[in-house]
Each structure stands twice: as structure tokens, then as C-alpha cells.
Amino acid sequence: MNLTLSQRLSLAFSILLLACCGASVWLQVRASDMHEKEVVQGLSRDLAQSIALDNKLVGTEGLTMEAVRALFGQLMNVNPSVEVYLLSPSGKITGDAAPQGHLHRDHVDLAPIRRLLEGQPLPILGDDPRSEDGRKVFSAAALRGNGKELGYLYVVLQGEEHDRLAAQVSASSVLRTTLWAMTLVALLGLIAGLIAFRLITRPLRRLTETMRDFDTDAAPAQLPVLSKAGAGRRDEIEVLEASFAQMATRIGEQWRTLTQLDQDRRELVANISHDLRTPLASLHGYLETLSLKDAVLTPDERRRYLGIALAQSSKVGQLAQGLFELARLEHGAVRLQVEDFSLSDLIQDVFQKFELMAETRQSKLLAVLPRGASMVSADLGMIERVLTNLIDNALRHTPEGGTIEVALVQGGGKVEVTVSDTGPGIAASLLENLFRRPFNQDGDRRSGGLGLLIVRRILQLHDSQIRLLSIPGKGAVFHFELASAG
């Protein structure tokens, strides 16, 4: 059967409830029957002794059979529910008033009789002579005469007539009412249990539907998130529901991040391919020209073609080196060599590398440094690469006569670094993906955009982030922080 968990629980509960009701009815009937037998036997415990004394069953010569036969007839007329038997000392039935063919035993077990005569707790069941294996409550008395044990007077208190009447009563309206009452109780219990199961499993059903409809690209699952205050709750389903909500949110975020990274990777490959195609095509063209027209080219033309080919080859080398460096940073192949050094001195050293380029573009390099050495704890080579890339980008995108400024602010265990220029800045449409993939700006690809990607990854390794600030009167303003030394 293809049943849901709620349906299986409901079915199991129904079966258990019906089994419990049946067992309860059986136990109640049995308890009532045993109670009735105990009461009857308790009230009639000395009945046989009284009968034996009052009717003078024992004479000077033993049992008086005429008195025994008279007693049997009298008792059967007065109380049809009792059956009287005369037993020998060994338990053999020597006298009875049973109709022809109703007697199924000729012996009665004496052990229950002795327990009754010893006063043991009731009810005590003895053999029913009119049944092959039946046992009933009884009363018994020992018959003695002339100092000898003559036998026993054995009185079955609930005989055949009692059983017949009890069978009629069992089919009466009283028993039917009792059974209907038990049925009603079982039905109400079943309904209440099914409602309780439905209420209890409602969060589980909601969780099942959410898991069935879970989509990594869709919005996060609308399920309650387990707070710190509710972390100690003992409702397993609620905890499972909240945990799944957290897991679904995390998986959704990770999936969207992976999707974005894959898209960025595709765009990076496409952009790098475009950047490589242009210098490679130019390099190939000039080399082919040199090869085909070597005999007709003047020395000046040959030198110019070779210079252009070398410049294009340098561009290809720079792109390849940038890709290699970015790959090493992204895949954790680079380990930080942390040391304490003066950031102010490092900035002056980087400025020296760009002095010629700045003079050529008639730009000004300005360092705004605090008093002191501005000591930081970081990887010297990597931070030098960060400053080199940022200053190189600033020089390339700042018009002639502009200013590139590097400012340091120290405080709170950090050194804040700001690299700004007086260029046109960066378009708002490029800000979202500025540090994620290469971009175009005014037709120039900024060396494929790899420089900013490398800067971002290096600073991430230093537990820092690079940000683009908006400051009136300035172009692109990049800001990051480094940990102070000591």
C-alpha cells in the first residue's frame, strides 16, 4: 500500500485502539465474572456444612441415603442454580440428582476442596461434574461418622440452570447497551486520536511539501528559522523544520553564488580571449609582414615593425602572467609571508616605479602620509602588487595633468589606505561587478580587468576587502585596510 506517513500512523493507531478496546472489554467481563464468583462463593462458603448438619445426613451406621435423596430433591426445587453431589473420600461421585446423560465425570479433584476447607483466598474453582473440563465455584463439607471420614458434600453454586439464564441475560438489552457504549467510546477515541495525529503531523506535512517543491533558484523556503531562544525546544519536528529552512536558505545562496561564479568565469574566459586575440593578431600580422617583405623593407620599417611586434608580445605576456597569478591566488597555491614593514616606505618605492610614466603623462603622484612609519603586518610582495595595480590603473585612466593620490590613516589597530585619482571615475553600471570580472570603460579594457581581480583576492587573503568610494571632486577612489604591526 502506498500510504503517507500520516495515513500509516492513523492506521496503526486505529488498530491499536481497537485492540486495546477489545482487551479492555475482555478484561472487564473477566473481572466482573471473577468478582461475581468470589461474591457467590463467599456468601455460600458454609452452605454445604450447614446442609450437612441441618439434614442429619450421617447416622449411626453411616450415610443415610434416604436423607441424601430427599436433600437433593429439596435443594433442586428451592434453588435450581445449585447442584449437589455426594463424594467418596477419594473424590468419586457416589450420589447426584443430575438428569440422565448430564454427568460427564465420575471423579472430582479433591485439591480445590481441601483449599476451600483450609480457608484459602477466594475464588477457588473446582471440577464441574456436568462438564468434561469446566471449573466452577463451589461449597464443600466433610462428612464424618463413627470417627471415620465418609466423604464430602460437594455443592456447585452456579450449575447448568445458572449458565442457561446467564446466556439469556448476555443477549439482553443491558449487555447490548454496554457494548454500544464501548463502541461509542472507541469511536470517539479514534476520532480524537486522528485529529491529534493530523495536528501533530501538520508541520511535517508542510515540511514535506516544501522539500518537494524546493528549488535552488527560487526564493528561500518560507519556514520558521530556529532562533537562539528556541534552540532548546524538544519538538523534533519543529527543530527539523527550522533546520531545513536554514539548510534550504544556505543551499540556495551557495547555488546562486556558484551560478554567478560560473557566469563570471565564462565572461572572464570570453574577455581574456578577446584581449588575447587583438595583440596576437597584430603580432602575427607584423611578423608575417617581416617574413614576406624582408627583402623590400627599409631598416627603419623593419625596426618599427619589430618594435610593434615586441609591444604586442609584451601585452600577451602581461595577460598570461596575470591569468597565472590569478589562478594561483584563486586555488590557494599562494601562502602569505607575513612580516612587519613600513607602508610609507613601500608607497615611496612604488612611486619610483611610476615616475617616468607619470612624467610622460604630465601627471602628479601625491602621498599623504601620517607621522611615523605606519607599520603594518602583511605580505610585503603582495601588498606591493596591490599598490602597483591600483596606481597603474589610476595613471592609465587619468587625463594628462591629473593627480594620483595615496593617503594613509592610522587608528584602531588598522591602517586605512585610499588610492584616488582625478579621472572620470567608473560608470555606475560597472560597480556591481567591478571586483568580479573584467570590464570595459571608455573603450579601454584596463589590461583585461585582471588587475582589480588580483587586488581583491590578495586583500581577501589578508582578511580585508577593497571598496570603491564616492567622493565629490575625485574620480575613482579605492579603499582598503591592513592590520597594524604589533
Protein backbone atom coordinates (compact mmCIF):
# COMPACT_ATOMS: atom_id res chain seq x y z
CA MET A 1 0.00 0.00 0.00
CA ASN A 2 1.33 3.42 -0.99
CA LEU A 3 0.33 5.31 2.16
CA THR A 4 1.70 8.54 3.57
CA LEU A 5 3.30 8.68 7.00
CA SER A 6 0.18 10.30 8.47
CA GLN A 7 -2.02 7.58 6.99
CA ARG A 8 0.25 4.82 8.30
CA LEU A 9 0.27 6.40 11.77
CA SER A 10 -3.51 6.74 11.72
CA LEU A 11 -3.96 3.12 10.60
CA ALA A 12 -1.58 1.84 13.29
CA PHE A 13 -3.32 3.97 15.92
CA SER A 14 -6.74 2.66 14.85
CA ILE A 15 -5.61 -0.96 15.06
CA LEU A 16 -4.02 -0.41 18.47
CA LEU A 17 -7.10 1.41 19.75
CA LEU A 18 -9.43 -1.37 18.62
CA ALA A 19 -7.11 -3.98 20.13
CA CYS A 20 -6.99 -2.07 23.41
CA CYS A 21 -10.79 -1.72 23.45
CA GLY A 22 -11.20 -5.43 22.79
CA ALA A 23 -8.71 -6.28 25.52
CA SER A 24 -10.46 -3.84 27.86
CA VAL A 25 -13.85 -5.45 27.21
CA TRP A 26 -12.41 -8.92 27.77
CA LEU A 27 -10.70 -7.85 30.99
CA GLN A 28 -13.84 -6.13 32.26
CA VAL A 29 -16.00 -9.16 31.50
CA ARG A 30 -13.47 -11.49 33.11
CA ALA A 31 -13.07 -9.24 36.14
CA SER A 32 -16.83 -8.98 36.51
CA ASP A 33 -17.18 -12.75 36.24
CA MET A 34 -14.42 -13.38 38.80
CA HIS A 35 -15.96 -10.80 41.11
CA GLU A 36 -19.34 -12.47 40.85
CA LYS A 37 -17.81 -15.87 41.55
CA GLU A 38 -15.92 -14.53 44.56
CA VAL A 39 -19.09 -12.95 45.96
CA VAL A 40 -21.21 -16.04 45.36
CA GLN A 41 -18.60 -18.38 46.85
CA GLY A 42 -18.01 -16.05 49.78
CA LEU A 43 -21.71 -15.90 50.63
CA SER A 44 -22.21 -19.65 50.19
CA ARG A 45 -18.91 -20.86 51.58
CA ASP A 46 -20.52 -22.64 54.55
CA LEU A 47 -23.62 -23.73 52.65
CA ALA A 48 -22.54 -27.36 52.37
CA GLN A 49 -21.64 -27.55 56.08
CA SER A 50 -24.99 -26.10 57.06
CA ILE A 51 -26.82 -28.53 54.81
CA ALA A 52 -24.93 -31.49 56.23
CA LEU A 53 -25.69 -30.52 59.84
CA ASP A 54 -29.30 -29.48 59.34
CA ASN A 55 -30.35 -32.54 57.37
CA LYS A 56 -28.64 -35.26 59.51
CA LEU A 57 -27.04 -36.98 56.53
CA VAL A 58 -24.85 -39.10 58.78
CA GLY A 59 -26.46 -41.73 61.03
CA THR A 60 -25.10 -44.29 63.44
CA GLU A 61 -24.41 -46.65 60.58
CA GLY A 62 -23.03 -44.12 58.14
CA LEU A 63 -24.70 -42.07 55.41
CA THR A 64 -28.49 -42.04 55.43
CA MET A 65 -29.27 -42.42 51.72
CA GLU A 66 -32.96 -41.56 52.19
CA ALA A 67 -31.95 -38.24 53.73
CA VAL A 68 -29.46 -37.64 50.90
CA ARG A 69 -32.09 -38.26 48.19
CA ALA A 70 -34.58 -36.03 49.98
CA LEU A 71 -31.97 -33.30 50.30
CA PHE A 72 -31.15 -33.42 46.59
CA GLY A 73 -34.77 -33.02 45.59
CA GLN A 74 -35.39 -30.25 48.13
CA LEU A 75 -32.36 -28.16 47.09
CA MET A 76 -33.09 -28.51 43.39
CA ASN A 77 -36.60 -27.22 43.96
CA VAL A 78 -35.58 -24.35 46.26
CA ASN A 79 -32.53 -23.15 44.27
CA PRO A 80 -32.26 -24.57 40.76
CA SER A 81 -28.88 -22.88 40.23
CA VAL A 82 -27.08 -25.18 42.70
CA GLU A 83 -26.12 -28.78 42.07
CA VAL A 84 -25.43 -31.17 44.99
CA TYR A 85 -23.12 -34.16 44.79
CA LEU A 86 -22.02 -36.78 47.27
CA LEU A 87 -18.36 -37.73 47.04
CA SER A 88 -16.40 -40.64 48.44
CA PRO A 89 -13.20 -39.98 50.41
CA SER A 90 -11.28 -40.47 47.14
CA GLY A 91 -13.44 -37.98 45.23
CA LYS A 92 -15.65 -40.46 43.37
CA ILE A 93 -19.20 -39.25 42.79
CA THR A 94 -21.47 -41.62 44.74
CA GLY A 95 -24.68 -39.61 44.67
CA ASP A 96 -26.25 -36.89 42.47
CA ALA A 97 -29.51 -35.54 41.16
CA ALA A 98 -28.37 -34.92 37.60
CA PRO A 99 -30.73 -35.89 34.76
CA GLN A 100 -29.83 -38.91 32.71
CA GLY A 101 -26.78 -38.24 30.47
CA HIS A 102 -25.80 -34.90 32.04
CA LEU A 103 -22.99 -36.29 34.17
CA HIS A 104 -19.64 -36.24 32.33
CA ARG A 105 -17.29 -37.07 35.21
CA ASP A 106 -17.25 -39.74 37.87
CA HIS A 107 -14.48 -38.18 39.94
CA VAL A 108 -13.85 -34.68 41.36
CA ASP A 109 -10.41 -33.32 42.17
CA LEU A 110 -10.11 -33.01 45.97
CA ALA A 111 -7.28 -30.40 45.96
CA PRO A 112 -9.61 -27.38 45.49
CA ILE A 113 -11.92 -28.82 48.18
CA ARG A 114 -9.05 -29.01 50.67
CA ARG A 115 -8.00 -25.42 49.85
CA LEU A 116 -11.56 -24.23 50.49
CA LEU A 117 -11.79 -26.13 53.78
CA GLU A 118 -8.41 -24.63 54.80
CA GLY A 119 -9.81 -21.12 54.31
CA GLN A 120 -7.57 -20.03 51.43
CA PRO A 121 -8.46 -16.83 49.45
CA LEU A 122 -11.46 -16.91 47.13
CA PRO A 123 -12.49 -17.60 44.47
CA ILE A 124 -11.49 -21.24 44.32
CA LEU A 125 -12.68 -23.17 41.30
CA GLY A 126 -13.45 -26.89 41.41
CA ASP A 127 -14.36 -29.51 38.83
CA ASP A 128 -17.82 -29.31 37.25
CA PRO A 129 -19.19 -32.87 37.06
CA ARG A 130 -21.52 -31.87 34.24
CA SER A 131 -18.62 -30.72 32.03
CA GLU A 132 -15.56 -32.54 30.79
CA ASP A 133 -13.15 -29.68 31.53
CA GLY A 134 -15.26 -26.94 33.15
CA ARG A 135 -14.49 -25.45 36.59
CA LYS A 136 -16.88 -23.56 38.84
CA VAL A 137 -17.17 -22.09 42.31
CA PHE A 138 -18.47 -24.48 44.93
CA SER A 139 -19.12 -25.13 48.57
CA ALA A 140 -17.99 -28.31 50.30
CA ALA A 141 -18.21 -30.02 53.66
CA ALA A 142 -16.50 -33.13 55.01
CA LEU A 143 -18.83 -35.91 56.20
CA ARG A 144 -17.65 -37.93 59.19
CA GLY A 145 -19.25 -40.66 61.29
CA ASN A 146 -18.07 -43.06 63.95
CA GLY A 147 -14.65 -41.38 63.79
CA LYS A 148 -14.24 -42.12 60.10
CA GLU A 149 -14.23 -39.90 57.02
CA LEU A 150 -17.28 -40.89 54.99
CA GLY A 151 -16.81 -38.48 52.09
CA TYR A 152 -17.75 -34.93 51.07
CA LEU A 153 -20.85 -32.95 50.31
CA TYR A 154 -19.99 -31.04 47.12
CA VAL A 155 -22.29 -28.20 46.09
CA VAL A 156 -21.72 -26.47 42.70
CA LEU A 157 -23.05 -22.92 43.23
CA GLN A 158 -23.53 -21.97 39.56
CA GLY A 159 -24.91 -25.01 37.81
CA GLU A 160 -26.37 -25.62 34.39
CA GLU A 161 -29.51 -23.62 35.09
CA HIS A 162 -27.43 -20.64 36.13
CA ASP A 163 -25.39 -20.90 32.91
CA ARG A 164 -28.57 -21.02 30.82
CA LEU A 165 -30.01 -17.95 32.47
CA ALA A 166 -26.66 -16.13 32.20
CA ALA A 167 -26.55 -16.85 28.45
CA GLN A 168 -30.02 -15.34 28.06
CA VAL A 169 -29.03 -12.27 30.02
CA SER A 170 -25.87 -11.84 27.90
CA ALA A 171 -28.08 -11.27 24.89
CA SER A 172 -30.32 -8.85 26.74
CA SER A 173 -30.55 -5.08 26.28
CA VAL A 174 -28.22 -4.44 29.22
CA LEU A 175 -25.29 -6.16 27.53
CA ARG A 176 -26.13 -4.57 24.19
CA THR A 177 -26.14 -1.17 25.84
CA THR A 178 -22.76 -1.87 27.37
CA LEU A 179 -21.33 -2.95 24.04
CA TRP A 180 -22.78 0.11 22.30
CA ALA A 181 -21.23 2.31 24.98
CA MET A 182 -17.84 0.70 24.47
CA THR A 183 -18.21 1.13 20.71
CA LEU A 184 -19.06 4.80 21.16
CA VAL A 185 -16.06 5.33 23.44
CA ALA A 186 -13.78 3.60 20.92
CA LEU A 187 -15.19 5.69 18.06
CA LEU A 188 -14.76 8.96 19.95
CA GLY A 189 -11.22 7.94 20.94
CA LEU A 190 -10.45 7.10 17.32
CA ILE A 191 -11.73 10.45 16.07
CA ALA A 192 -9.85 12.35 18.77
CA GLY A 193 -6.67 10.39 18.00
CA LEU A 194 -6.92 11.04 14.25
CA ILE A 195 -7.44 14.75 14.86
CA ALA A 196 -4.47 14.80 17.23
CA PHE A 197 -2.30 12.99 14.68
CA ARG A 198 -3.32 15.46 11.99
CA LEU A 199 -2.45 18.43 14.20
CA ILE A 200 0.85 16.89 15.29
CA THR A 201 1.95 15.95 11.75
CA ARG A 202 0.86 19.24 10.17
CA PRO A 203 4.40 20.73 10.42
CA LEU A 204 5.76 17.51 8.94
CA ARG A 205 3.34 17.72 6.01
CA ARG A 206 4.26 21.35 5.47
CA LEU A 207 7.94 20.40 5.54
CA THR A 208 7.29 17.57 3.06
CA GLU A 209 5.55 19.93 0.63
CA THR A 210 8.36 22.46 0.97
CA MET A 211 11.01 19.79 0.31
CA ARG A 212 9.03 18.50 -2.68
CA ASP A 213 8.81 22.00 -4.16
CA PHE A 214 12.35 23.02 -3.20
CA ASP A 215 14.12 24.89 -5.97
CA THR A 216 17.65 26.19 -5.59
CA ASP A 217 16.93 29.05 -7.98
CA ALA A 218 13.73 30.06 -6.22
CA ALA A 219 13.25 32.29 -3.21
CA PRO A 220 14.28 30.87 0.20
CA ALA A 221 11.79 28.46 1.82
CA GLN A 222 9.19 30.28 3.92
CA LEU A 223 9.69 28.27 7.09
CA PRO A 224 10.36 29.42 10.64
CA VAL A 225 14.04 29.83 11.42
CA LEU A 226 15.09 28.42 14.76
CA SER A 227 16.25 31.27 16.97
CA LYS A 228 18.67 31.04 19.88
CA ALA A 229 15.75 31.31 22.28
CA GLY A 230 14.05 28.31 20.65
CA ALA A 231 17.19 26.23 20.28
CA GLY A 232 16.33 24.30 23.46
CA ARG A 233 12.90 23.18 22.31
CA ARG A 234 12.22 19.48 22.36
CA ASP A 235 9.74 19.36 19.45
CA GLU A 236 11.75 17.30 16.97
CA ILE A 237 9.51 18.18 14.01
CA GLU A 238 9.78 21.91 14.70
CA VAL A 239 13.55 21.64 15.07
CA LEU A 240 13.73 19.64 11.82
CA GLU A 241 11.54 22.20 10.06
CA ALA A 242 13.67 25.13 11.19
CA SER A 243 16.90 23.27 10.38
CA PHE A 244 15.65 22.52 6.87
CA ALA A 245 14.78 26.20 6.42
CA GLN A 246 18.32 27.15 7.35
CA MET A 247 19.74 24.43 5.11
CA ALA A 248 17.50 25.44 2.18
CA THR A 249 18.50 29.09 2.56
CA ARG A 250 22.18 28.16 2.70
CA ILE A 251 21.93 25.82 -0.30
CA GLY A 252 20.04 28.45 -2.28
CA GLU A 253 22.65 31.09 -1.50
CA GLN A 254 25.51 28.73 -2.35
CA TRP A 255 23.83 27.64 -5.58
CA ARG A 256 23.27 31.23 -6.66
CA THR A 257 26.87 32.04 -5.74
CA LEU A 258 28.13 29.08 -7.79
CA THR A 259 25.92 30.14 -10.68
CA GLN A 260 27.28 33.67 -10.52
CA LEU A 261 30.86 32.40 -10.27
CA ASP A 262 30.31 30.17 -13.28
CA GLN A 263 28.90 33.11 -15.22
CA ASP A 264 31.85 35.26 -14.15
CA ARG A 265 34.25 32.53 -15.23
CA ARG A 266 32.61 32.30 -18.65
CA GLU A 267 32.76 36.05 -19.08
CA LEU A 268 36.36 36.12 -17.87
CA VAL A 269 37.33 33.50 -20.43
CA ALA A 270 35.46 35.38 -23.17
CA ASN A 271 37.02 38.71 -22.24
CA ILE A 272 40.53 37.29 -21.93
CA SER A 273 40.09 35.54 -25.28
CA HIS A 274 39.12 38.88 -26.82
CA ASP A 275 42.07 40.62 -25.17
CA LEU A 276 44.47 37.97 -26.41
CA ARG A 277 43.04 37.89 -29.93
CA THR A 278 43.90 41.53 -30.72
CA PRO A 279 47.62 41.55 -29.76
CA LEU A 280 48.15 38.05 -31.14
CA ALA A 281 46.60 39.03 -34.46
CA SER A 282 48.72 42.18 -34.56
CA LEU A 283 51.85 40.25 -33.59
CA HIS A 284 51.15 37.60 -36.22
CA GLY A 285 50.49 40.25 -38.87
CA TYR A 286 53.70 42.19 -38.35
CA LEU A 287 55.80 39.02 -38.10
CA GLU A 288 54.21 37.76 -41.32
CA THR A 289 54.95 41.09 -42.98
CA LEU A 290 58.57 40.90 -41.87
CA SER A 291 58.80 37.37 -43.21
CA LEU A 292 57.23 38.06 -46.63
CA LYS A 293 58.64 41.54 -47.31
CA ASP A 294 62.01 41.28 -45.64
CA ALA A 295 63.84 41.96 -48.90
CA VAL A 296 61.95 45.18 -49.69
CA LEU A 297 61.68 46.71 -46.20
CA THR A 298 63.97 49.52 -45.20
CA PRO A 299 65.89 49.26 -41.93
CA ASP A 300 63.62 51.89 -40.34
CA GLU A 301 60.47 49.99 -41.37
CA ARG A 302 61.95 46.73 -40.12
CA ARG A 303 62.78 48.29 -36.73
CA ARG A 304 59.29 49.83 -36.47
CA TYR A 305 57.59 46.53 -37.28
CA LEU A 306 59.78 44.68 -34.79
CA GLY A 307 59.03 47.29 -32.09
CA ILE A 308 55.28 46.92 -32.63
CA ALA A 309 55.58 43.12 -32.54
CA LEU A 310 57.57 43.30 -29.31
CA ALA A 311 54.98 45.63 -27.74
CA GLN A 312 52.15 43.27 -28.67
CA SER A 313 54.16 40.32 -27.37
CA SER A 314 54.63 42.17 -24.08
CA LYS A 315 50.85 42.65 -23.81
CA VAL A 316 50.30 38.94 -24.35
CA GLY A 317 52.93 38.14 -21.74
CA GLN A 318 51.32 40.50 -19.23
CA LEU A 319 47.89 38.91 -19.76
CA ALA A 320 49.32 35.41 -19.41
CA GLN A 321 51.20 36.39 -16.27
CA GLY A 322 48.04 37.97 -14.82
CA LEU A 323 45.98 34.87 -15.55
CA PHE A 324 48.60 32.64 -13.99
CA GLU A 325 48.81 34.80 -10.89
CA LEU A 326 45.02 34.99 -10.52
CA ALA A 327 44.74 31.21 -10.89
CA ARG A 328 47.33 30.67 -8.16
CA LEU A 329 45.51 33.07 -5.85
CA GLU A 330 42.08 31.57 -6.50
CA HIS A 331 43.20 27.97 -5.93
CA GLY A 332 45.10 28.61 -2.71
CA ALA A 333 48.51 27.91 -4.20
CA VAL A 334 49.92 31.10 -2.64
CA ARG A 335 50.87 31.26 1.03
CA LEU A 336 51.26 34.54 2.85
CA GLN A 337 54.71 35.52 4.08
CA VAL A 338 53.59 37.87 6.83
CA GLU A 339 56.13 40.34 8.15
CA ASP A 340 56.21 43.79 9.71
CA PHE A 341 57.20 46.62 7.34
CA SER A 342 56.71 50.34 6.81
CA LEU A 343 53.82 51.02 4.47
CA SER A 344 55.01 54.60 3.98
CA ASP A 345 58.38 53.39 2.66
CA LEU A 346 56.65 50.85 0.39
CA ILE A 347 54.48 53.59 -1.16
CA GLN A 348 57.59 55.69 -1.89
CA ASP A 349 59.23 52.68 -3.56
CA VAL A 350 56.17 52.05 -5.75
CA PHE A 351 56.04 55.72 -6.71
CA GLN A 352 59.60 55.45 -8.03
CA LYS A 353 58.49 52.73 -10.48
CA PHE A 354 55.86 55.05 -11.96
CA GLU A 355 57.84 58.33 -12.01
CA LEU A 356 58.72 58.04 -15.69
CA MET A 357 55.18 57.09 -16.70
CA ALA A 358 53.77 59.97 -14.64
CA GLU A 359 56.18 62.46 -16.24
CA THR A 360 55.23 61.19 -19.68
CA ARG A 361 51.53 61.77 -18.95
CA GLN A 362 52.29 65.01 -17.07
CA SER A 363 50.53 63.54 -14.00
CA LYS A 364 51.39 64.06 -10.37
CA LEU A 365 51.93 61.35 -7.77
CA LEU A 366 51.00 62.53 -4.27
CA ALA A 367 51.42 60.62 -0.97
CA VAL A 368 49.52 61.82 2.13
CA LEU A 369 51.30 60.03 4.97
CA PRO A 370 50.87 60.35 8.75
CA ARG A 371 53.77 60.94 11.09
CA GLY A 372 55.68 57.80 11.76
CA ALA A 373 56.43 54.80 9.64
CA SER A 374 52.84 53.37 9.50
CA MET A 375 54.00 49.84 10.29
CA VAL A 376 51.73 47.04 9.09
CA SER A 377 51.78 43.25 9.34
CA ALA A 378 51.24 41.70 5.90
CA ASP A 379 52.92 40.06 2.91
CA LEU A 380 55.25 42.72 1.53
CA GLY A 381 55.34 41.40 -2.03
CA MET A 382 51.57 41.04 -2.31
CA ILE A 383 50.80 44.48 -0.89
CA GLU A 384 53.35 45.94 -3.32
CA ARG A 385 51.39 44.23 -6.13
CA VAL A 386 48.14 45.71 -4.81
CA LEU A 387 49.56 49.25 -4.82
CA THR A 388 51.19 48.71 -8.21
CA ASN A 389 47.94 47.59 -9.84
CA LEU A 390 45.87 50.39 -8.32
CA ILE A 391 48.36 53.15 -9.21
CA ASP A 392 48.85 51.71 -12.72
CA ASN A 393 45.08 51.73 -13.31
CA ALA A 394 44.82 55.26 -11.94
CA LEU A 395 47.57 56.55 -14.25
CA ARG A 396 46.02 54.88 -17.28
CA HIS A 397 42.56 56.40 -16.69
CA THR A 398 43.55 59.86 -15.50
CA PRO A 399 43.78 62.60 -18.15
CA GLU A 400 47.08 64.43 -18.63
CA GLY A 401 47.83 66.87 -15.86
CA GLY A 402 45.81 64.84 -13.29
CA THR A 403 46.78 63.76 -9.81
CA ILE A 404 47.04 60.26 -8.30
CA GLU A 405 46.94 60.33 -4.52
CA VAL A 406 47.70 57.62 -1.95
CA ALA A 407 46.61 58.50 1.60
CA LEU A 408 47.16 56.63 4.87
CA VAL A 409 45.11 56.96 8.08
CA GLN A 410 46.21 55.02 11.16
CA GLY A 411 44.00 54.14 14.15
CA GLY A 412 42.11 51.36 15.96
CA GLY A 413 44.75 48.76 15.20
CA LYS A 414 44.28 49.34 11.45
CA VAL A 415 45.91 51.37 8.70
CA GLU A 416 43.42 52.67 6.14
CA VAL A 417 44.73 53.04 2.59
CA THR A 418 42.99 55.20 -0.02
CA VAL A 419 44.09 55.37 -3.68
CA SER A 420 42.30 58.09 -5.68
CA ASP A 421 42.66 59.91 -8.99
CA THR A 422 41.16 62.92 -10.76
CA GLY A 423 39.91 60.95 -13.75
CA PRO A 424 36.32 60.44 -14.94
CA GLY A 425 35.64 57.70 -12.37
CA ILE A 426 33.84 54.44 -13.00
CA ALA A 427 30.36 54.19 -14.52
CA ALA A 428 27.56 53.15 -12.12
CA SER A 429 26.63 50.22 -14.38
CA LEU A 430 30.05 48.66 -13.74
CA LEU A 431 30.08 48.97 -9.96
CA GLU A 432 28.22 45.73 -9.20
CA ASN A 433 30.74 43.52 -10.99
CA LEU A 434 33.79 45.76 -10.53
CA PHE A 435 35.78 43.24 -8.49
CA ARG A 436 34.30 40.07 -10.00
CA ARG A 437 35.12 40.14 -13.73
CA PRO A 438 36.89 42.27 -16.36
CA PHE A 439 35.02 45.26 -17.68
CA ASN A 440 35.15 47.90 -20.41
CA GLN A 441 35.48 51.58 -19.70
CA ASP A 442 35.64 54.17 -22.44
CA GLY A 443 36.78 51.53 -24.91
CA ASP A 444 39.83 50.54 -22.84
CA ARG A 445 39.81 47.17 -21.09
CA ARG A 446 42.26 48.09 -18.33
CA SER A 447 44.52 45.17 -19.14
CA GLY A 448 41.56 42.81 -19.19
CA GLY A 449 40.44 43.92 -15.68
CA LEU A 450 42.69 41.26 -14.15
CA GLY A 451 44.45 43.82 -12.00
CA LEU A 452 41.41 44.54 -9.83
CA LEU A 453 40.59 40.81 -9.59
CA ILE A 454 44.10 40.13 -8.34
CA VAL A 455 43.86 43.03 -5.87
CA ARG A 456 40.58 41.75 -4.47
CA ARG A 457 41.91 38.21 -3.98
CA ILE A 458 45.16 39.37 -2.34
CA LEU A 459 43.25 41.54 0.14
CA GLN A 460 40.86 38.65 0.88
CA LEU A 461 43.89 36.58 1.86
CA HIS A 462 44.74 39.41 4.29
CA ASP A 463 41.16 39.32 5.73
CA SER A 464 40.43 42.67 4.12
CA GLN A 465 38.08 43.95 1.44
CA ILE A 466 38.55 46.59 -1.23
CA ARG A 467 35.77 49.11 -1.74
CA LEU A 468 35.04 51.84 -4.27
CA LEU A 469 34.13 55.11 -2.55
CA SER A 470 32.22 58.05 -3.95
CA ILE A 471 33.96 61.34 -3.03
CA PRO A 472 32.93 64.62 -4.73
CA GLY A 473 35.68 66.20 -6.80
CA LYS A 474 37.57 62.95 -7.35
CA GLY A 475 37.38 60.14 -9.85
CA ALA A 476 37.85 56.50 -8.81
CA VAL A 477 38.58 56.17 -5.09
CA PHE A 478 39.65 52.71 -3.82
CA HIS A 479 39.83 51.98 -0.08
CA PHE A 480 41.13 49.03 1.96
CA GLU A 481 42.58 48.32 5.42
CA LEU A 482 45.61 46.45 6.76
CA ALA A 483 46.39 45.28 10.27
CA SER A 484 48.87 47.44 12.17
CA ALA A 485 52.09 45.78 13.31
CA GLY A 486 52.49 44.89 16.96
